[in-house]
Structures are given as C-alpha cells and as structure tokens.
C-alpha cells in the first residue's frame, strides 16, 4: 500500500495539493515570524525560507519576497527588527501528481492582515 492509499484516500489529489501547500505556508508563518532581520539579512532569509520549505513533500518551488518599505517603516534604533507577516509576500507551488496548487500569502491593506489563500490551481 502506498502513502496515498494509506493516508490520503479520503481526499482527492487536488485537495492533497492544496493541503501540502497550505500546511507548508502555516509552518513558514509560525517558524519565521519574529526572526531578527535588517536590510543586510533580507536576501539570506528569503533564501533560507525558500530552501527549507522546498524540502517538504510535494513542494516544488517557494517564492519569498520581504517588503523593504515595510521593513524600513518598522526599523528600530538597533538596526534590526522582528520579521512580521506584513512584510512577507510568498507563493508556494505544491504539486501532487498532475495537480499544481499555488498557495499565497500577502499583506492585504484593506484587511490590514497578511492573508493566506489559494491563488490558483492548475490541473
């Protein structure tokens, strides 16, 4: 019995692709929010987030961008700040068999919230 039959027989391949991307997005948020960051560490943190999540099952690609303007606005006198959800713009590409789900997190101004949602599903 393969893993799909044993653990995922109660959901479709489409739902599994969404699940894998969404669980990775939740892990990203709760693992990296609060990380000390400044302008010099932005690129390395973006890479670290991407590379760590790409190790997860079904995750094909992770695109991470930290908003430098929001970083500047939050900057402390100590030349660093804690990473917040408002600073993150992320796309996780999750693929299971022939289904690709793109899970997104971005700060939505009118909601004043870093929203996670399913941006696109390609079958």
PDB file of N, CA and C in Angstrom:
ATOM      1  N   UNK A   1       0.856  -1.181   0.000  1.00  0.00           N
ATOM      2  CA  UNK A   1       0.000   0.000   0.000  1.00  0.00           C
ATOM      3  C   UNK A   1       0.900   1.242   0.000  1.00  0.00           C
ATOM      4  N   UNK A   2       0.652   2.156  -0.935  1.00  0.00           N
ATOM      5  CA  UNK A   2       1.467   3.372  -0.975  1.00  0.00           C
ATOM      6  C   UNK A   2       0.900   4.437  -0.035  1.00  0.00           C
ATOM      7  N   UNK A   3       1.663   5.490   0.153  1.00  0.00           N
ATOM      8  CA  UNK A   3       1.288   6.552   1.097  1.00  0.00           C
ATOM      9  C   UNK A   3      -0.054   7.191   0.752  1.00  0.00           C
ATOM     10  N   UNK A   4      -0.334   7.384  -0.550  1.00  0.00           N
ATOM     11  CA  UNK A   4      -1.609   7.989  -0.950  1.00  0.00           C
ATOM     12  C   UNK A   4      -2.793   7.111  -0.547  1.00  0.00           C
ATOM     13  N   UNK A   5      -2.659   5.819  -0.745  1.00  0.00           N
ATOM     14  CA  UNK A   5      -3.737   4.899  -0.379  1.00  0.00           C
ATOM     15  C   UNK A   5      -3.911   4.825   1.137  1.00  0.00           C
ATOM     16  N   UNK A   6      -2.800   4.795   1.848  1.00  0.00           N
ATOM     17  CA  UNK A   6      -2.864   4.600   3.297  1.00  0.00           C
ATOM     18  C   UNK A   6      -3.328   5.842   4.052  1.00  0.00           C
ATOM     19  N   UNK A   7      -2.812   7.035   3.673  1.00  0.00           N
ATOM     20  CA  UNK A   7      -3.074   8.225   4.480  1.00  0.00           C
ATOM     21  C   UNK A   7      -3.949   9.282   3.800  1.00  0.00           C
ATOM     22  N   UNK A   8      -4.096   9.216   2.500  1.00  0.00           N
ATOM     23  CA  UNK A   8      -4.817  10.280   1.802  1.00  0.00           C
ATOM     24  C   UNK A   8      -5.977   9.762   0.960  1.00  0.00           C
ATOM     25  N   UNK A   9      -6.453   8.572   1.243  1.00  0.00           N
ATOM     26  CA  UNK A   9      -7.539   8.000   0.438  1.00  0.00           C
ATOM     27  C   UNK A   9      -8.869   8.728   0.634  1.00  0.00           C
ATOM     28  N   UNK A  10      -8.977   9.510   1.689  1.00  0.00           N
ATOM     29  CA  UNK A  10     -10.222  10.223   1.974  1.00  0.00           C
ATOM     30  C   UNK A  10     -10.290  11.609   1.326  1.00  0.00           C
ATOM     31  N   UNK A  11      -9.241  11.992   0.570  1.00  0.00           N
ATOM     32  CA  UNK A  11      -9.266  13.280  -0.132  1.00  0.00           C
ATOM     33  C   UNK A  11      -8.802  13.079  -1.573  1.00  0.00           C
ATOM     34  N   UNK A  12      -9.143  14.045  -2.414  1.00  0.00           N
ATOM     35  CA  UNK A  12      -8.731  13.981  -3.821  1.00  0.00           C
ATOM     36  C   UNK A  12      -7.285  14.446  -3.964  1.00  0.00           C
ATOM     37  N   UNK A  13      -6.706  14.183  -5.132  1.00  0.00           N
ATOM     38  CA  UNK A  13      -5.351  14.662  -5.421  1.00  0.00           C
ATOM     39  C   UNK A  13      -5.331  16.185  -5.367  1.00  0.00           C
ATOM     40  N   UNK A  14      -6.363  16.816  -5.874  1.00  0.00           N
ATOM     41  CA  UNK A  14      -6.486  18.292  -5.835  1.00  0.00           C
ATOM     42  C   UNK A  14      -6.444  18.795  -4.393  1.00  0.00           C
ATOM     43  N   UNK A  15      -7.217  18.165  -3.536  1.00  0.00           N
ATOM     44  CA  UNK A  15      -7.239  18.560  -2.124  1.00  0.00           C
ATOM     45  C   UNK A  15      -5.879  18.315  -1.465  1.00  0.00           C
ATOM     46  N   UNK A  16      -5.219  17.252  -1.845  1.00  0.00           N
ATOM     47  CA  UNK A  16      -3.890  16.964  -1.274  1.00  0.00           C
ATOM     48  C   UNK A  16      -2.881  18.025  -1.687  1.00  0.00           C
ATOM     49  N   UNK A  17      -2.922  18.458  -2.955  1.00  0.00           N
ATOM     50  CA  UNK A  17      -2.008  19.516  -3.420  1.00  0.00           C
ATOM     51  C   UNK A  17      -2.233  20.798  -2.615  1.00  0.00           C
ATOM     52  N   UNK A  18      -3.498  21.127  -2.377  1.00  0.00           N
ATOM     53  CA  UNK A  18      -3.821  22.320  -1.571  1.00  0.00           C
ATOM     54  C   UNK A  18      -3.337  22.127  -0.137  1.00  0.00           C
ATOM     55  N   UNK A  19      -3.601  20.964   0.429  1.00  0.00           N
ATOM     56  CA  UNK A  19      -3.187  20.667   1.795  1.00  0.00           C
ATOM     57  C   UNK A  19      -1.684  20.815   1.977  1.00  0.00           C
ATOM     58  N   UNK A  20      -0.904  20.211   1.075  1.00  0.00           N
ATOM     59  CA  UNK A  20       0.553  20.249   1.206  1.00  0.00           C
ATOM     60  C   UNK A  20       1.069  21.686   1.169  1.00  0.00           C
ATOM     61  N   UNK A  21       0.543  22.501   0.258  1.00  0.00           N
ATOM     62  CA  UNK A  21       0.961  23.906   0.180  1.00  0.00           C
ATOM     63  C   UNK A  21       0.527  24.702   1.392  1.00  0.00           C
ATOM     64  N   UNK A  22      -0.702  24.460   1.837  1.00  0.00           N
ATOM     65  CA  UNK A  22      -1.242  25.222   2.972  1.00  0.00           C
ATOM     66  C   UNK A  22      -0.528  24.886   4.275  1.00  0.00           C
ATOM     67  N   UNK A  23      -0.233  23.611   4.484  1.00  0.00           N
ATOM     68  CA  UNK A  23       0.453  23.229   5.719  1.00  0.00           C
ATOM     69  C   UNK A  23       1.866  23.807   5.738  1.00  0.00           C
ATOM     70  N   UNK A  24       2.488  23.876   4.564  1.00  0.00           N
ATOM     71  CA  UNK A  24       3.821  24.488   4.473  1.00  0.00           C
ATOM     72  C   UNK A  24       3.757  25.986   4.726  1.00  0.00           C
ATOM     73  N   UNK A  25       2.704  26.647   4.235  1.00  0.00           N
ATOM     74  CA  UNK A  25       2.548  28.084   4.476  1.00  0.00           C
ATOM     75  C   UNK A  25       2.366  28.358   5.968  1.00  0.00           C
ATOM     76  N   UNK A  26       1.566  27.540   6.629  1.00  0.00           N
ATOM     77  CA  UNK A  26       1.381  27.696   8.073  1.00  0.00           C
ATOM     78  C   UNK A  26       2.683  27.490   8.827  1.00  0.00           C
ATOM     79  N   UNK A  27       3.461  26.505   8.404  1.00  0.00           N
ATOM     80  CA  UNK A  27       4.757  26.254   9.039  1.00  0.00           C
ATOM     81  C   UNK A  27       5.677  27.452   8.846  1.00  0.00           C
ATOM     82  N   UNK A  28       5.704  27.995   7.639  1.00  0.00           N
ATOM     83  CA  UNK A  28       6.530  29.180   7.354  1.00  0.00           C
ATOM     84  C   UNK A  28       6.169  30.309   8.320  1.00  0.00           C
ATOM     85  N   UNK A  29       4.885  30.590   8.412  1.00  0.00           N
ATOM     86  CA  UNK A  29       4.434  31.717   9.224  1.00  0.00           C
ATOM     87  C   UNK A  29       4.852  31.545  10.685  1.00  0.00           C
ATOM     88  N   UNK A  30       4.596  30.379  11.227  1.00  0.00           N
ATOM     89  CA  UNK A  30       4.860  30.182  12.652  1.00  0.00           C
ATOM     90  C   UNK A  30       6.324  29.894  12.966  1.00  0.00           C
ATOM     91  N   UNK A  31       7.091  29.511  11.968  1.00  0.00           N
ATOM     92  CA  UNK A  31       8.512  29.274  12.196  1.00  0.00           C
ATOM     93  C   UNK A  31       9.338  30.543  12.061  1.00  0.00           C
ATOM     94  N   UNK A  32       9.016  31.406  11.093  1.00  0.00           N
ATOM     95  CA  UNK A  32       9.894  32.523  10.774  1.00  0.00           C
ATOM     96  C   UNK A  32       9.435  33.885  11.304  1.00  0.00           C
ATOM     97  N   UNK A  33       8.164  34.047  11.645  1.00  0.00           N
ATOM     98  CA  UNK A  33       7.717  35.326  12.203  1.00  0.00           C
ATOM     99  C   UNK A  33       8.446  35.540  13.530  1.00  0.00           C
ATOM    100  N   UNK A  34       9.003  36.708  13.680  1.00  0.00           N
ATOM    101  CA  UNK A  34       9.783  37.032  14.875  1.00  0.00           C
ATOM    102  C   UNK A  34      11.280  36.928  14.658  1.00  0.00           C
ATOM    103  N   UNK A  35      11.692  36.432  13.497  1.00  0.00           N
ATOM    104  CA  UNK A  35      13.122  36.317  13.197  1.00  0.00           C
ATOM    105  C   UNK A  35      13.744  37.711  13.115  1.00  0.00           C
ATOM    106  N   UNK A  36      14.845  37.946  13.795  1.00  0.00           N
ATOM    107  CA  UNK A  36      15.528  39.235  13.667  1.00  0.00           C
ATOM    108  C   UNK A  36      15.993  39.448  12.226  1.00  0.00           C
ATOM    109  N   UNK A  37      15.773  40.653  11.704  1.00  0.00           N
ATOM    110  CA  UNK A  37      16.104  40.935  10.310  1.00  0.00           C
ATOM    111  C   UNK A  37      16.486  42.393  10.132  1.00  0.00           C
ATOM    112  N   UNK A  38      17.388  42.642   9.184  1.00  0.00           N
ATOM    113  CA  UNK A  38      17.689  44.007   8.733  1.00  0.00           C
ATOM    114  C   UNK A  38      17.926  43.941   7.227  1.00  0.00           C
ATOM    115  N   UNK A  39      18.251  45.079   6.622  1.00  0.00           N
ATOM    116  CA  UNK A  39      18.417  45.102   5.165  1.00  0.00           C
ATOM    117  C   UNK A  39      19.533  44.169   4.693  1.00  0.00           C
ATOM    118  N   UNK A  40      20.554  44.000   5.495  1.00  0.00           N
ATOM    119  CA  UNK A  40      21.680  43.157   5.098  1.00  0.00           C
ATOM    120  C   UNK A  40      21.329  41.665   5.134  1.00  0.00           C
ATOM    121  N   UNK A  41      20.333  41.292   5.918  1.00  0.00           N
ATOM    122  CA  UNK A  41      19.993  39.870   6.042  1.00  0.00           C
ATOM    123  C   UNK A  41      18.757  39.459   5.243  1.00  0.00           C
ATOM    124  N   UNK A  42      18.118  40.393   4.563  1.00  0.00           N
ATOM    125  CA  UNK A  42      16.892  40.091   3.820  1.00  0.00           C
ATOM    126  C   UNK A  42      17.100  38.967   2.805  1.00  0.00           C
ATOM    127  N   UNK A  43      18.075  39.104   1.937  1.00  0.00           N
ATOM    128  CA  UNK A  43      18.275  38.120   0.869  1.00  0.00           C
ATOM    129  C   UNK A  43      18.562  36.728   1.434  1.00  0.00           C
ATOM    130  N   UNK A  44      19.403  36.653   2.450  1.00  0.00           N
ATOM    131  CA  UNK A  44      19.728  35.336   3.002  1.00  0.00           C
ATOM    132  C   UNK A  44      18.527  34.715   3.712  1.00  0.00           C
ATOM    133  N   UNK A  45      17.679  35.530   4.347  1.00  0.00           N
ATOM    134  CA  UNK A  45      16.481  34.993   4.992  1.00  0.00           C
ATOM    135  C   UNK A  45      15.470  34.525   3.947  1.00  0.00           C
ATOM    136  N   UNK A  46      15.310  35.274   2.863  1.00  0.00           N
ATOM    137  CA  UNK A  46      14.419  34.845   1.779  1.00  0.00           C
ATOM    138  C   UNK A  46      14.859  33.481   1.240  1.00  0.00           C
ATOM    139  N   UNK A  47      16.142  33.317   1.041  1.00  0.00           N
ATOM    140  CA  UNK A  47      16.680  32.043   0.539  1.00  0.00           C
ATOM    141  C   UNK A  47      16.480  30.929   1.569  1.00  0.00           C
ATOM    142  N   UNK A  48      16.767  31.213   2.828  1.00  0.00           N
ATOM    143  CA  UNK A  48      16.617  30.197   3.880  1.00  0.00           C
ATOM    144  C   UNK A  48      15.168  29.720   3.991  1.00  0.00           C
ATOM    145  N   UNK A  49      14.230  30.642   3.924  1.00  0.00           N
ATOM    146  CA  UNK A  49      12.816  30.262   3.981  1.00  0.00           C
ATOM    147  C   UNK A  49      12.478  29.376   2.786  1.00  0.00           C
ATOM    148  N   UNK A  50      12.857  29.818   1.603  1.00  0.00           N
ATOM    149  CA  UNK A  50      12.560  29.053   0.383  1.00  0.00           C
ATOM    150  C   UNK A  50      13.161  27.661   0.432  1.00  0.00           C
ATOM    151  N   UNK A  51      14.449  27.584   0.714  1.00  0.00           N
ATOM    152  CA  UNK A  51      15.149  26.292   0.704  1.00  0.00           C
ATOM    153  C   UNK A  51      14.605  25.334   1.756  1.00  0.00           C
ATOM    154  N   UNK A  52      14.255  25.846   2.928  1.00  0.00           N
ATOM    155  CA  UNK A  52      13.743  24.955   3.975  1.00  0.00           C
ATOM    156  C   UNK A  52      12.369  24.405   3.605  1.00  0.00           C
ATOM    157  N   UNK A  53      11.507  25.226   3.028  1.00  0.00           N
ATOM    158  CA  UNK A  53      10.170  24.748   2.674  1.00  0.00           C
ATOM    159  C   UNK A  53      10.185  23.831   1.460  1.00  0.00           C
ATOM    160  N   UNK A  54      11.137  24.033   0.564  1.00  0.00           N
ATOM    161  CA  UNK A  54      11.222  23.173  -0.616  1.00  0.00           C
ATOM    162  C   UNK A  54      11.614  21.741  -0.253  1.00  0.00           C
ATOM    163  N   UNK A  55      12.024  21.500   0.975  1.00  0.00           N
ATOM    164  CA  UNK A  55      12.307  20.150   1.445  1.00  0.00           C
ATOM    165  C   UNK A  55      11.025  19.378   1.763  1.00  0.00           C
ATOM    166  N   UNK A  56       9.926  20.081   1.948  1.00  0.00           N
ATOM    167  CA  UNK A  56       8.654  19.457   2.310  1.00  0.00           C
ATOM    168  C   UNK A  56       8.097  18.625   1.151  1.00  0.00           C
ATOM    169  N   UNK A  57       7.344  17.561   1.477  1.00  0.00           N
ATOM    170  CA  UNK A  57       6.732  16.747   0.420  1.00  0.00           C
ATOM    171  C   UNK A  57       5.841  17.598  -0.493  1.00  0.00           C
ATOM    172  N   UNK A  58       5.945  17.363  -1.775  1.00  0.00           N
ATOM    173  CA  UNK A  58       5.101  17.982  -2.805  1.00  0.00           C
ATOM    174  C   UNK A  58       5.422  19.447  -3.094  1.00  0.00           C
ATOM    175  N   UNK A  59       6.329  20.072  -2.368  1.00  0.00           N
ATOM    176  CA  UNK A  59       6.622  21.483  -2.607  1.00  0.00           C
ATOM    177  C   UNK A  59       7.681  21.584  -3.700  1.00  0.00           C
ATOM    178  N   UNK A  60       7.294  22.168  -4.823  1.00  0.00           N
ATOM    179  CA  UNK A  60       8.183  22.288  -5.977  1.00  0.00           C
ATOM    180  C   UNK A  60       8.996  23.570  -5.962  1.00  0.00           C
ATOM    181  N   UNK A  61       8.363  24.652  -5.540  1.00  0.00           N
ATOM    182  CA  UNK A  61       9.040  25.946  -5.583  1.00  0.00           C
ATOM    183  C   UNK A  61       8.418  26.861  -4.538  1.00  0.00           C
ATOM    184  N   UNK A  62       9.254  27.694  -3.934  1.00  0.00           N
ATOM    185  CA  UNK A  62       8.782  28.688  -2.971  1.00  0.00           C
ATOM    186  C   UNK A  62       9.391  30.028  -3.352  1.00  0.00           C
ATOM    187  N   UNK A  63       8.541  31.014  -3.527  1.00  0.00           N
ATOM    188  CA  UNK A  63       8.983  32.368  -3.839  1.00  0.00           C
ATOM    189  C   UNK A  63       8.722  33.252  -2.619  1.00  0.00           C
ATOM    190  N   UNK A  64       9.776  33.851  -2.093  1.00  0.00           N
ATOM    191  CA  UNK A  64       9.663  34.687  -0.895  1.00  0.00           C
ATOM    192  C   UNK A  64      10.215  36.067  -1.200  1.00  0.00           C
ATOM    193  N   UNK A  65       9.422  37.086  -0.891  1.00  0.00           N
ATOM    194  CA  UNK A  65       9.886  38.471  -1.003  1.00  0.00           C
ATOM    195  C   UNK A  65       9.534  39.188   0.294  1.00  0.00           C
ATOM    196  N   UNK A  66      10.537  39.825   0.867  1.00  0.00           N
ATOM    197  CA  UNK A  66      10.330  40.629   2.083  1.00  0.00           C
ATOM    198  C   UNK A  66      10.246  42.083   1.649  1.00  0.00           C
ATOM    199  N   UNK A  67       9.165  42.748   2.036  1.00  0.00           N
ATOM    200  CA  UNK A  67       8.887  44.124   1.637  1.00  0.00           C
ATOM    201  C   UNK A  67       9.855  45.078   2.356  1.00  0.00           C
ATOM    202  N   UNK A  68      10.769  45.661   1.588  1.00  0.00           N
ATOM    203  CA  UNK A  68      11.786  46.540   2.175  1.00  0.00           C
ATOM    204  C   UNK A  68      11.197  47.832   2.731  1.00  0.00           C
ATOM    205  N   UNK A  69      10.118  48.311   2.135  1.00  0.00           N
ATOM    206  CA  UNK A  69       9.477  49.525   2.653  1.00  0.00           C
ATOM    207  C   UNK A  69       8.877  49.264   4.027  1.00  0.00           C
ATOM    208  N   UNK A  70       8.191  48.136   4.176  1.00  0.00           N
ATOM    209  CA  UNK A  70       7.627  47.801   5.493  1.00  0.00           C
ATOM    210  C   UNK A  70       8.739  47.525   6.508  1.00  0.00           C
ATOM    211  N   UNK A  71       9.839  46.945   6.033  1.00  0.00           N
ATOM    212  CA  UNK A  71      10.995  46.728   6.897  1.00  0.00           C
ATOM    213  C   UNK A  71      11.537  48.071   7.389  1.00  0.00           C
ATOM    214  N   UNK A  72      11.705  49.030   6.484  1.00  0.00           N
ATOM    215  CA  UNK A  72      12.180  50.365   6.857  1.00  0.00           C
ATOM    216  C   UNK A  72      11.254  51.035   7.863  1.00  0.00           C
ATOM    217  N   UNK A  73       9.933  50.915   7.617  1.00  0.00           N
ATOM    218  CA  UNK A  73       8.952  51.547   8.499  1.00  0.00           C
ATOM    219  C   UNK A  73       9.020  50.996   9.918  1.00  0.00           C
ATOM    220  N   UNK A  74       9.380  49.736  10.050  1.00  0.00           N
ATOM    221  CA  UNK A  74       9.414  49.090  11.362  1.00  0.00           C
ATOM    222  C   UNK A  74      10.792  49.134  12.021  1.00  0.00           C
ATOM    223  N   UNK A  75      11.803  49.595  11.303  1.00  0.00           N
ATOM    224  CA  UNK A  75      13.190  49.522  11.776  1.00  0.00           C
ATOM    225  C   UNK A  75      13.377  50.204  13.130  1.00  0.00           C
ATOM    226  N   UNK A  76      14.132  49.560  13.984  1.00  0.00           N
ATOM    227  CA  UNK A  76      14.417  50.079  15.319  1.00  0.00           C
ATOM    228  C   UNK A  76      15.738  50.854  15.322  1.00  0.00           C
ATOM    229  N   UNK A  77      16.029  51.492  16.421  1.00  0.00           N
ATOM    230  CA  UNK A  77      17.296  52.200  16.595  1.00  0.00           C
ATOM    231  C   UNK A  77      18.483  51.233  16.678  1.00  0.00           C
ATOM    232  N   UNK A  78      18.216  49.957  16.833  1.00  0.00           N
ATOM    233  CA  UNK A  78      19.263  48.954  16.948  1.00  0.00           C
ATOM    234  C   UNK A  78      19.610  48.313  15.601  1.00  0.00           C
ATOM    235  N   UNK A  79      19.103  48.878  14.503  1.00  0.00           N
ATOM    236  CA  UNK A  79      19.371  48.430  13.133  1.00  0.00           C
ATOM    237  C   UNK A  79      18.883  47.011  12.843  1.00  0.00           C
ATOM    238  N   UNK A  80      17.815  46.605  13.518  1.00  0.00           N
ATOM    239  CA  UNK A  80      17.132  45.372  13.142  1.00  0.00           C
ATOM    240  C   UNK A  80      15.715  45.434  13.684  1.00  0.00           C
ATOM    241  N   UNK A  81      14.896  44.542  13.181  1.00  0.00           N
ATOM    242  CA  UNK A  81      13.500  44.458  13.603  1.00  0.00           C
ATOM    243  C   UNK A  81      13.098  42.991  13.526  1.00  0.00           C
ATOM    244  N   UNK A  82      11.998  42.630  14.132  1.00  0.00           N
ATOM    245  CA  UNK A  82      11.488  41.266  14.022  1.00  0.00           C
ATOM    246  C   UNK A  82      10.610  41.153  12.782  1.00  0.00           C
ATOM    247  N   UNK A  83      10.840  40.101  12.005  1.00  0.00           N
ATOM    248  CA  UNK A  83      10.034  39.856  10.813  1.00  0.00           C
ATOM    249  C   UNK A  83       8.565  39.715  11.209  1.00  0.00           C
ATOM    250  N   UNK A  84       7.690  40.351  10.437  1.00  0.00           N
ATOM    251  CA  UNK A  84       6.248  40.254  10.688  1.00  0.00           C
ATOM    252  C   UNK A  84       5.546  39.782   9.420  1.00  0.00           C
ATOM    253  N   UNK A  85       4.335  39.310   9.580  1.00  0.00           N
ATOM    254  CA  UNK A  85       3.552  38.850   8.443  1.00  0.00           C
ATOM    255  C   UNK A  85       3.299  39.938   7.422  1.00  0.00           C
ATOM    256  N   UNK A  86       3.236  41.178   7.875  1.00  0.00           N
ATOM    257  CA  UNK A  86       3.005  42.307   6.976  1.00  0.00           C
ATOM    258  C   UNK A  86       4.140  42.480   5.974  1.00  0.00           C
ATOM    259  N   UNK A  87       5.313  41.983   6.297  1.00  0.00           N
ATOM    260  CA  UNK A  87       6.498  42.146   5.440  1.00  0.00           C
ATOM    261  C   UNK A  87       6.618  41.059   4.376  1.00  0.00           C
ATOM    262  N   UNK A  88       5.852  39.983   4.507  1.00  0.00           N
ATOM    263  CA  UNK A  88       6.040  38.816   3.644  1.00  0.00           C
ATOM    264  C   UNK A  88       5.095  38.782   2.449  1.00  0.00           C
ATOM    265  N   UNK A  89       5.655  38.409   1.321  1.00  0.00           N
ATOM    266  CA  UNK A  89       4.885  38.110   0.115  1.00  0.00           C
ATOM    267  C   UNK A  89       5.426  36.768  -0.368  1.00  0.00           C
ATOM    268  N   UNK A  90       4.600  35.728  -0.285  1.00  0.00           N
ATOM    269  CA  UNK A  90       5.073  34.367  -0.514  1.00  0.00           C
ATOM    270  C   UNK A  90       4.131  33.622  -1.457  1.00  0.00           C
ATOM    271  N   UNK A  91       4.733  32.823  -2.333  1.00  0.00           N
ATOM    272  CA  UNK A  91       3.990  31.873  -3.167  1.00  0.00           C
ATOM    273  C   UNK A  91       4.617  30.504  -2.985  1.00  0.00           C
ATOM    274  N   UNK A  92       3.792  29.527  -2.655  1.00  0.00           N
ATOM    275  CA  UNK A  92       4.240  28.147  -2.538  1.00  0.00           C
ATOM    276  C   UNK A  92       3.583  27.349  -3.661  1.00  0.00           C
ATOM    277  N   UNK A  93       4.414  26.704  -4.471  1.00  0.00           N
ATOM    278  CA  UNK A  93       3.945  25.865  -5.573  1.00  0.00           C
ATOM    279  C   UNK A  93       3.970  24.417  -5.094  1.00  0.00           C
ATOM    280  N   UNK A  94       2.798  23.841  -4.911  1.00  0.00           N
ATOM    281  CA  UNK A  94       2.659  22.488  -4.398  1.00  0.00           C
ATOM    282  C   UNK A  94       2.089  21.597  -5.499  1.00  0.00           C
ATOM    283  N   UNK A  95       2.784  20.495  -5.790  1.00  0.00           N
ATOM    284  CA  UNK A  95       2.333  19.611  -6.865  1.00  0.00           C
ATOM    285  C   UNK A  95       2.206  18.178  -6.370  1.00  0.00           C
ATOM    286  N   UNK A  96       1.045  17.612  -6.614  1.00  0.00           N
ATOM    287  CA  UNK A  96       0.786  16.212  -6.325  1.00  0.00           C
ATOM    288  C   UNK A  96       0.248  15.612  -7.618  1.00  0.00           C
ATOM    289  N   UNK A  97       0.958  14.620  -8.112  1.00  0.00           N
ATOM    290  CA  UNK A  97       0.670  14.020  -9.414  1.00  0.00           C
ATOM    291  C   UNK A  97       0.599  15.129 -10.463  1.00  0.00           C
ATOM    292  N   UNK A  98      -0.541  15.321 -11.120  1.00  0.00           N
ATOM    293  CA  UNK A  98      -0.617  16.332 -12.176  1.00  0.00           C
ATOM    294  C   UNK A  98      -1.354  17.597 -11.742  1.00  0.00           C
ATOM    295  N   UNK A  99      -1.546  17.784 -10.450  1.00  0.00           N
ATOM    296  CA  UNK A  99      -2.245  18.962  -9.924  1.00  0.00           C
ATOM    297  C   UNK A  99      -1.237  19.896  -9.256  1.00  0.00           C
ATOM    298  N   UNK A 100      -1.229  21.143  -9.700  1.00  0.00           N
ATOM    299  CA  UNK A 100      -0.367  22.168  -9.118  1.00  0.00           C
ATOM    300  C   UNK A 100      -1.240  23.202  -8.415  1.00  0.00           C
ATOM    301  N   UNK A 101      -0.988  23.409  -7.124  1.00  0.00           N
ATOM    302  CA  UNK A 101      -1.698  24.432  -6.350  1.00  0.00           C
ATOM    303  C   UNK A 101      -0.704  25.516  -5.973  1.00  0.00           C
ATOM    304  N   UNK A 102      -1.103  26.750  -6.186  1.00  0.00           N
ATOM    305  CA  UNK A 102      -0.271  27.882  -5.763  1.00  0.00           C
ATOM    306  C   UNK A 102      -0.962  28.511  -4.564  1.00  0.00           C
ATOM    307  N   UNK A 103      -0.270  28.431  -3.438  1.00  0.00           N
ATOM    308  CA  UNK A 103      -0.774  28.966  -2.178  1.00  0.00           C
ATOM    309  C   UNK A 103      -0.048  30.275  -1.936  1.00  0.00           C
ATOM    310  N   UNK A 104      -0.778  31.294  -1.556  1.00  0.00           N
ATOM    311  CA  UNK A 104      -0.221  32.649  -1.494  1.00  0.00           C
ATOM    312  C   UNK A 104      -0.419  33.253  -0.116  1.00  0.00           C
ATOM    313  N   UNK A 105       0.533  34.055   0.296  1.00  0.00           N
ATOM    314  CA  UNK A 105       0.372  34.918   1.462  1.00  0.00           C
ATOM    315  C   UNK A 105       0.874  36.294   1.073  1.00  0.00           C
ATOM    316  N   UNK A 106       0.038  37.288   1.306  1.00  0.00           N
ATOM    317  CA  UNK A 106       0.430  38.668   1.070  1.00  0.00           C
ATOM    318  C   UNK A 106      -0.357  39.565   2.012  1.00  0.00           C
ATOM    319  N   UNK A 107       0.218  40.699   2.320  1.00  0.00           N
ATOM    320  CA  UNK A 107      -0.461  41.652   3.182  1.00  0.00           C
ATOM    321  C   UNK A 107      -1.519  42.373   2.360  1.00  0.00           C
ATOM    322  N   UNK A 108      -2.766  42.315   2.813  1.00  0.00           N
ATOM    323  CA  UNK A 108      -3.889  42.962   2.143  1.00  0.00           C
ATOM    324  C   UNK A 108      -4.229  44.226   2.935  1.00  0.00           C
ATOM    325  N   UNK A 109      -3.940  45.372   2.331  1.00  0.00           N
ATOM    326  CA  UNK A 109      -4.119  46.660   3.022  1.00  0.00           C
ATOM    327  C   UNK A 109      -5.528  46.844   3.574  1.00  0.00           C
ATOM    328  N   UNK A 110      -6.568  46.590   2.734  1.00  0.00           N
ATOM    329  CA  UNK A 110      -7.932  46.850   3.192  1.00  0.00           C
ATOM    330  C   UNK A 110      -8.362  45.932   4.328  1.00  0.00           C
ATOM    331  N   UNK A 111      -7.702  44.795   4.473  1.00  0.00           N
ATOM    332  CA  UNK A 111      -7.975  43.898   5.590  1.00  0.00           C
ATOM    333  C   UNK A 111      -7.038  44.158   6.768  1.00  0.00           C
ATOM    334  N   UNK A 112      -5.921  44.872   6.490  1.00  0.00           N
ATOM    335  CA  UNK A 112      -4.867  45.087   7.471  1.00  0.00           C
ATOM    336  C   UNK A 112      -4.405  43.752   8.049  1.00  0.00           C
ATOM    337  N   UNK A 113      -4.138  42.814   7.101  1.00  0.00           N
ATOM    338  CA  UNK A 113      -3.883  41.439   7.517  1.00  0.00           C
ATOM    339  C   UNK A 113      -3.040  40.711   6.473  1.00  0.00           C
ATOM    340  N   UNK A 114      -2.088  39.879   6.921  1.00  0.00           N
ATOM    341  CA  UNK A 114      -1.332  39.038   5.980  1.00  0.00           C
ATOM    342  C   UNK A 114      -2.154  37.788   5.649  1.00  0.00           C
ATOM    343  N   UNK A 115      -2.896  37.832   4.557  1.00  0.00           N
ATOM    344  CA  UNK A 115      -3.851  36.782   4.200  1.00  0.00           C
ATOM    345  C   UNK A 115      -3.178  35.620   3.477  1.00  0.00           C
ATOM    346  N   UNK A 116      -3.527  34.408   3.886  1.00  0.00           N
ATOM    347  CA  UNK A 116      -3.106  33.190   3.192  1.00  0.00           C
ATOM    348  C   UNK A 116      -4.314  32.684   2.416  1.00  0.00           C
ATOM    349  N   UNK A 117      -4.097  32.335   1.131  1.00  0.00           N
ATOM    350  CA  UNK A 117      -5.215  31.864   0.319  1.00  0.00           C
ATOM    351  C   UNK A 117      -4.707  31.023  -0.851  1.00  0.00           C
ATOM    352  N   UNK A 118      -5.636  30.309  -1.486  1.00  0.00           N
ATOM    353  CA  UNK A 118      -5.310  29.532  -2.683  1.00  0.00           C
ATOM    354  C   UNK A 118      -5.404  30.492  -3.861  1.00  0.00           C
ATOM    355  N   UNK A 119      -4.243  30.775  -4.483  1.00  0.00           N
ATOM    356  CA  UNK A 119      -4.231  31.721  -5.591  1.00  0.00           C
ATOM    357  C   UNK A 119      -4.664  31.083  -6.909  1.00  0.00           C
ATOM    358  N   UNK A 120      -4.201  29.847  -7.137  1.00  0.00           N
ATOM    359  CA  UNK A 120      -4.500  29.213  -8.417  1.00  0.00           C
ATOM    360  C   UNK A 120      -4.329  27.704  -8.279  1.00  0.00           C
ATOM    361  N   UNK A 121      -5.137  26.976  -9.055  1.00  0.00           N
ATOM    362  CA  UNK A 121      -4.995  25.530  -9.148  1.00  0.00           C
ATOM    363  C   UNK A 121      -4.957  25.185 -10.627  1.00  0.00           C
ATOM    364  N   UNK A 122      -3.923  24.457 -11.029  1.00  0.00           N
ATOM    365  CA  UNK A 122      -3.778  24.049 -12.429  1.00  0.00           C
ATOM    366  C   UNK A 122      -3.844  22.535 -12.504  1.00  0.00           C
ATOM    367  N   UNK A 123      -4.743  22.066 -13.346  1.00  0.00           N
ATOM    368  CA  UNK A 123      -4.929  20.617 -13.493  1.00  0.00           C
ATOM    369  C   UNK A 123      -4.513  20.184 -14.875  1.00  0.00           C
TER     370      UNK A 123
END
